[in-house]
Amino acid sequence: MTNPSTLWLVARQEIEYLSPVPYQSQPLDVQLWLGRLGGASLEICYEVCSPLDAEPFTQYARAASTIVLVDPTTQRPRKITEDERASWSAWSDEPIAFTRRG
């Protein structure tokens, strides 16, 4: 559980658009997981895809946000607690592998 006095600040955001999203009446499927748990930060990964029952399956975008936990009193990053780490690790998986430009 997160301390209610903790600020969550976005330190980095990367989005890779893979395919245009067509107009449709069905909602998109968005998968979220934690790609990395650091000392005072975590990476939230996202994949935006076609509806689960759609054919063909299409991945429209993938993204990752690095979140830093900050103590509002000191304005400094605070470490992830052992309770938070234990709770959040259930949602951990491999981070997003973005296509590299070169």
N, C-alpha and C. Protein backbone atom coordinates (compact mmCIF):
# COMPACT_ATOMS: atom_id res chain seq x y z
N MET A 1 0.84 -1.17 0.00
CA MET A 1 0.00 0.00 0.00
C MET A 1 0.89 1.24 0.00
N THR A 2 0.40 2.24 -0.64
CA THR A 2 1.17 3.47 -0.75
C THR A 2 0.82 4.42 0.37
N ASN A 3 1.83 5.08 0.90
CA ASN A 3 1.64 6.10 1.91
C ASN A 3 0.87 7.25 1.27
N PRO A 4 -0.27 7.68 1.88
CA PRO A 4 -1.07 8.74 1.24
C PRO A 4 -0.34 10.08 1.14
N SER A 5 0.76 10.22 1.83
CA SER A 5 1.49 11.47 1.75
C SER A 5 2.62 11.41 0.71
N THR A 6 2.62 10.41 -0.12
CA THR A 6 3.63 10.27 -1.17
C THR A 6 3.15 10.91 -2.46
N LEU A 7 4.02 11.68 -3.10
CA LEU A 7 3.73 12.22 -4.43
C LEU A 7 4.24 11.23 -5.48
N TRP A 8 3.48 11.07 -6.53
CA TRP A 8 3.89 10.23 -7.65
C TRP A 8 4.17 11.16 -8.82
N LEU A 9 5.42 11.26 -9.24
CA LEU A 9 5.80 12.17 -10.31
C LEU A 9 6.25 11.38 -11.54
N VAL A 10 5.78 11.79 -12.71
CA VAL A 10 6.21 11.16 -13.96
C VAL A 10 7.57 11.74 -14.32
N ALA A 11 8.57 10.88 -14.36
CA ALA A 11 9.93 11.31 -14.68
C ALA A 11 10.25 11.10 -16.16
N ARG A 12 9.56 10.15 -16.77
CA ARG A 12 9.82 9.85 -18.19
C ARG A 12 8.61 9.17 -18.78
N GLN A 13 8.36 9.44 -20.05
CA GLN A 13 7.26 8.82 -20.78
C GLN A 13 7.72 8.52 -22.19
N GLU A 14 7.51 7.29 -22.63
CA GLU A 14 7.84 6.93 -24.01
C GLU A 14 6.66 6.19 -24.60
N ILE A 15 6.25 6.60 -25.80
CA ILE A 15 5.13 5.97 -26.49
C ILE A 15 5.58 5.62 -27.90
N GLU A 16 5.27 4.42 -28.31
CA GLU A 16 5.56 4.00 -29.67
C GLU A 16 4.23 3.65 -30.35
N TYR A 17 3.86 4.44 -31.36
CA TYR A 17 2.63 4.21 -32.10
C TYR A 17 2.92 3.19 -33.20
N LEU A 18 2.12 2.14 -33.26
CA LEU A 18 2.39 1.05 -34.18
C LEU A 18 1.40 0.97 -35.34
N SER A 19 0.16 1.36 -35.09
CA SER A 19 -0.87 1.25 -36.12
C SER A 19 -2.01 2.22 -35.79
N PRO A 20 -2.64 2.82 -36.80
CA PRO A 20 -3.78 3.70 -36.51
C PRO A 20 -4.93 2.92 -35.90
N VAL A 21 -5.66 3.55 -35.01
CA VAL A 21 -6.84 2.93 -34.40
C VAL A 21 -8.05 3.26 -35.26
N PRO A 22 -8.70 2.25 -35.84
CA PRO A 22 -9.89 2.53 -36.66
C PRO A 22 -11.09 2.85 -35.78
N TYR A 23 -12.05 3.56 -36.38
CA TYR A 23 -13.29 3.81 -35.65
C TYR A 23 -13.98 2.47 -35.43
N GLN A 24 -14.43 2.22 -34.21
CA GLN A 24 -15.15 0.99 -33.88
C GLN A 24 -15.97 1.22 -32.63
N SER A 25 -17.00 0.42 -32.47
CA SER A 25 -17.87 0.59 -31.31
C SER A 25 -17.38 -0.21 -30.10
N GLN A 26 -16.50 -1.16 -30.31
CA GLN A 26 -15.98 -1.96 -29.20
C GLN A 26 -14.84 -1.23 -28.52
N PRO A 27 -14.71 -1.40 -27.20
CA PRO A 27 -13.57 -0.76 -26.50
C PRO A 27 -12.27 -1.47 -26.84
N LEU A 28 -11.18 -0.73 -26.72
CA LEU A 28 -9.85 -1.30 -26.92
C LEU A 28 -9.43 -2.06 -25.66
N ASP A 29 -8.49 -2.94 -25.83
CA ASP A 29 -7.91 -3.68 -24.70
C ASP A 29 -6.61 -2.98 -24.31
N VAL A 30 -6.48 -2.62 -23.05
CA VAL A 30 -5.25 -1.99 -22.56
C VAL A 30 -4.69 -2.87 -21.45
N GLN A 31 -3.49 -3.37 -21.66
CA GLN A 31 -2.80 -4.20 -20.67
C GLN A 31 -1.79 -3.32 -19.94
N LEU A 32 -1.75 -3.44 -18.61
CA LEU A 32 -0.78 -2.69 -17.79
C LEU A 32 -0.04 -3.66 -16.88
N TRP A 33 1.24 -3.39 -16.68
CA TRP A 33 2.05 -4.15 -15.75
C TRP A 33 3.25 -3.31 -15.34
N LEU A 34 3.96 -3.78 -14.34
CA LEU A 34 5.17 -3.09 -13.89
C LEU A 34 6.37 -3.75 -14.56
N GLY A 35 7.12 -2.97 -15.31
CA GLY A 35 8.28 -3.51 -16.01
C GLY A 35 9.55 -3.46 -15.18
N ARG A 36 9.56 -2.62 -14.15
CA ARG A 36 10.76 -2.50 -13.32
C ARG A 36 10.37 -1.85 -12.00
N LEU A 37 10.93 -2.38 -10.94
CA LEU A 37 10.82 -1.77 -9.61
C LEU A 37 12.23 -1.40 -9.17
N GLY A 38 12.51 -0.10 -9.12
CA GLY A 38 13.83 0.37 -8.71
C GLY A 38 13.86 0.69 -7.23
N GLY A 39 14.79 1.53 -6.83
CA GLY A 39 14.90 1.93 -5.44
C GLY A 39 13.81 2.89 -5.02
N ALA A 40 13.58 3.93 -5.83
CA ALA A 40 12.56 4.94 -5.55
C ALA A 40 11.66 5.17 -6.75
N SER A 41 11.75 4.30 -7.75
CA SER A 41 10.95 4.49 -8.96
C SER A 41 10.41 3.16 -9.46
N LEU A 42 9.41 3.26 -10.32
CA LEU A 42 8.85 2.08 -10.95
C LEU A 42 8.47 2.44 -12.37
N GLU A 43 8.43 1.43 -13.22
CA GLU A 43 8.09 1.64 -14.62
C GLU A 43 6.76 0.95 -14.89
N ILE A 44 5.76 1.74 -15.31
CA ILE A 44 4.47 1.20 -15.68
C ILE A 44 4.47 1.01 -17.19
N CYS A 45 4.20 -0.22 -17.64
CA CYS A 45 4.19 -0.55 -19.06
C CYS A 45 2.75 -0.70 -19.53
N TYR A 46 2.49 -0.32 -20.79
CA TYR A 46 1.15 -0.37 -21.36
C TYR A 46 1.22 -0.94 -22.78
N GLU A 47 0.22 -1.72 -23.15
CA GLU A 47 0.01 -2.11 -24.54
C GLU A 47 -1.45 -1.83 -24.86
N VAL A 48 -1.69 -1.12 -25.96
CA VAL A 48 -3.04 -0.81 -26.41
C VAL A 48 -3.30 -1.67 -27.64
N CYS A 49 -4.33 -2.50 -27.56
CA CYS A 49 -4.59 -3.49 -28.61
C CYS A 49 -6.05 -3.49 -29.03
N SER A 50 -6.30 -4.24 -30.09
CA SER A 50 -7.68 -4.43 -30.54
C SER A 50 -8.47 -5.15 -29.45
N PRO A 51 -9.81 -5.10 -29.54
CA PRO A 51 -10.61 -5.83 -28.55
C PRO A 51 -10.19 -7.30 -28.50
N LEU A 52 -10.34 -7.91 -27.35
CA LEU A 52 -9.85 -9.28 -27.15
C LEU A 52 -10.40 -10.29 -28.15
N ASP A 53 -11.65 -10.12 -28.59
CA ASP A 53 -12.25 -11.09 -29.51
C ASP A 53 -12.14 -10.69 -30.98
N ALA A 54 -11.41 -9.62 -31.27
CA ALA A 54 -11.31 -9.13 -32.65
C ALA A 54 -10.33 -9.96 -33.47
N GLU A 55 -10.65 -10.11 -34.74
CA GLU A 55 -9.76 -10.76 -35.69
C GLU A 55 -9.51 -9.78 -36.83
N PRO A 56 -8.32 -9.51 -37.21
CA PRO A 56 -7.08 -10.00 -36.61
C PRO A 56 -6.72 -9.19 -35.37
N PHE A 57 -5.90 -9.77 -34.52
CA PHE A 57 -5.38 -9.07 -33.36
C PHE A 57 -4.44 -7.98 -33.85
N THR A 58 -4.58 -6.77 -33.31
CA THR A 58 -3.71 -5.66 -33.70
C THR A 58 -3.21 -4.94 -32.47
N GLN A 59 -1.92 -4.70 -32.42
CA GLN A 59 -1.35 -3.89 -31.35
C GLN A 59 -1.18 -2.47 -31.91
N TYR A 60 -1.86 -1.49 -31.27
CA TYR A 60 -1.86 -0.12 -31.76
C TYR A 60 -0.73 0.71 -31.19
N ALA A 61 -0.40 0.48 -29.94
CA ALA A 61 0.66 1.29 -29.31
C ALA A 61 1.21 0.54 -28.10
N ARG A 62 2.43 0.92 -27.75
CA ARG A 62 3.02 0.45 -26.48
C ARG A 62 3.69 1.65 -25.85
N ALA A 63 3.71 1.64 -24.52
CA ALA A 63 4.24 2.80 -23.81
C ALA A 63 4.81 2.37 -22.47
N ALA A 64 5.63 3.25 -21.91
CA ALA A 64 6.19 3.04 -20.57
C ALA A 64 6.32 4.39 -19.89
N SER A 65 5.94 4.44 -18.63
CA SER A 65 6.07 5.65 -17.81
C SER A 65 6.93 5.32 -16.61
N THR A 66 7.95 6.13 -16.37
CA THR A 66 8.76 5.99 -15.17
C THR A 66 8.19 6.92 -14.12
N ILE A 67 7.80 6.36 -12.99
CA ILE A 67 7.20 7.11 -11.88
C ILE A 67 8.19 7.13 -10.72
N VAL A 68 8.42 8.31 -10.16
CA VAL A 68 9.30 8.46 -8.99
C VAL A 68 8.43 8.79 -7.78
N LEU A 69 8.64 8.07 -6.70
CA LEU A 69 7.93 8.33 -5.45
C LEU A 69 8.69 9.43 -4.70
N VAL A 70 7.97 10.48 -4.30
CA VAL A 70 8.61 11.65 -3.69
C VAL A 70 7.94 11.95 -2.35
N ASP A 71 8.76 12.24 -1.35
CA ASP A 71 8.26 12.69 -0.05
C ASP A 71 7.86 14.16 -0.20
N PRO A 72 6.60 14.51 0.08
CA PRO A 72 6.17 15.89 -0.14
C PRO A 72 6.81 16.90 0.81
N THR A 73 7.26 16.44 1.97
CA THR A 73 7.88 17.35 2.93
C THR A 73 9.29 17.72 2.51
N THR A 74 10.09 16.72 2.15
CA THR A 74 11.48 16.97 1.79
C THR A 74 11.67 17.27 0.30
N GLN A 75 10.64 16.93 -0.52
CA GLN A 75 10.72 17.07 -1.97
C GLN A 75 11.83 16.21 -2.57
N ARG A 76 12.15 15.11 -1.89
CA ARG A 76 13.18 14.19 -2.35
C ARG A 76 12.57 12.82 -2.62
N PRO A 77 13.16 12.07 -3.55
CA PRO A 77 12.65 10.72 -3.79
C PRO A 77 12.68 9.90 -2.49
N ARG A 78 11.70 9.03 -2.35
CA ARG A 78 11.69 8.13 -1.20
C ARG A 78 11.73 6.69 -1.71
N LYS A 79 12.36 5.85 -0.93
CA LYS A 79 12.51 4.45 -1.33
C LYS A 79 11.17 3.72 -1.32
N ILE A 80 11.04 2.77 -2.21
CA ILE A 80 9.89 1.87 -2.20
C ILE A 80 10.02 0.98 -0.98
N THR A 81 8.96 0.88 -0.19
CA THR A 81 9.01 0.07 1.03
C THR A 81 8.97 -1.42 0.67
N GLU A 82 9.38 -2.25 1.60
CA GLU A 82 9.34 -3.70 1.39
C GLU A 82 7.90 -4.17 1.19
N ASP A 83 6.94 -3.59 1.93
CA ASP A 83 5.53 -3.95 1.76
C ASP A 83 5.04 -3.59 0.35
N GLU A 84 5.40 -2.40 -0.13
CA GLU A 84 5.02 -1.99 -1.48
C GLU A 84 5.65 -2.92 -2.51
N ARG A 85 6.94 -3.20 -2.35
CA ARG A 85 7.65 -4.08 -3.29
C ARG A 85 7.00 -5.46 -3.34
N ALA A 86 6.66 -6.01 -2.17
CA ALA A 86 6.04 -7.33 -2.11
C ALA A 86 4.66 -7.31 -2.78
N SER A 87 3.90 -6.27 -2.53
CA SER A 87 2.57 -6.15 -3.11
C SER A 87 2.63 -5.94 -4.62
N TRP A 88 3.50 -5.07 -5.09
CA TRP A 88 3.57 -4.72 -6.50
C TRP A 88 4.26 -5.77 -7.35
N SER A 89 5.10 -6.59 -6.76
CA SER A 89 5.84 -7.58 -7.56
C SER A 89 4.91 -8.59 -8.23
N ALA A 90 3.70 -8.75 -7.70
CA ALA A 90 2.73 -9.66 -8.33
C ALA A 90 2.34 -9.19 -9.73
N TRP A 91 2.50 -7.90 -10.02
CA TRP A 91 2.15 -7.34 -11.33
C TRP A 91 3.39 -7.03 -12.17
N SER A 92 4.52 -7.60 -11.82
CA SER A 92 5.77 -7.36 -12.56
C SER A 92 5.93 -8.35 -13.69
N ASP A 93 6.49 -7.88 -14.78
CA ASP A 93 6.81 -8.71 -15.93
C ASP A 93 7.92 -8.00 -16.70
N GLU A 94 8.31 -8.54 -17.82
CA GLU A 94 9.38 -7.94 -18.62
C GLU A 94 8.98 -6.54 -19.08
N PRO A 95 9.94 -5.61 -19.10
CA PRO A 95 9.63 -4.25 -19.60
C PRO A 95 9.38 -4.28 -21.11
N ILE A 96 8.80 -3.20 -21.59
CA ILE A 96 8.53 -3.03 -23.03
C ILE A 96 9.85 -3.03 -23.79
N ALA A 97 9.86 -3.73 -24.92
CA ALA A 97 11.02 -3.69 -25.82
C ALA A 97 10.65 -2.77 -26.99
N PHE A 98 11.07 -1.52 -26.90
CA PHE A 98 10.76 -0.55 -27.95
C PHE A 98 11.63 -0.80 -29.17
N THR A 99 11.11 -0.44 -30.34
CA THR A 99 11.89 -0.49 -31.57
C THR A 99 12.90 0.64 -31.50
N ARG A 100 14.15 0.33 -31.71
CA ARG A 100 15.20 1.36 -31.63
C ARG A 100 15.41 1.99 -32.99
N ARG A 101 15.54 3.31 -32.98
CA ARG A 101 15.85 4.03 -34.22
C ARG A 101 17.36 4.16 -34.33
N GLY A 102 17.86 4.04 -35.47
CA GLY A 102 19.29 4.12 -35.58
C GLY A 102 19.71 4.78 -36.80
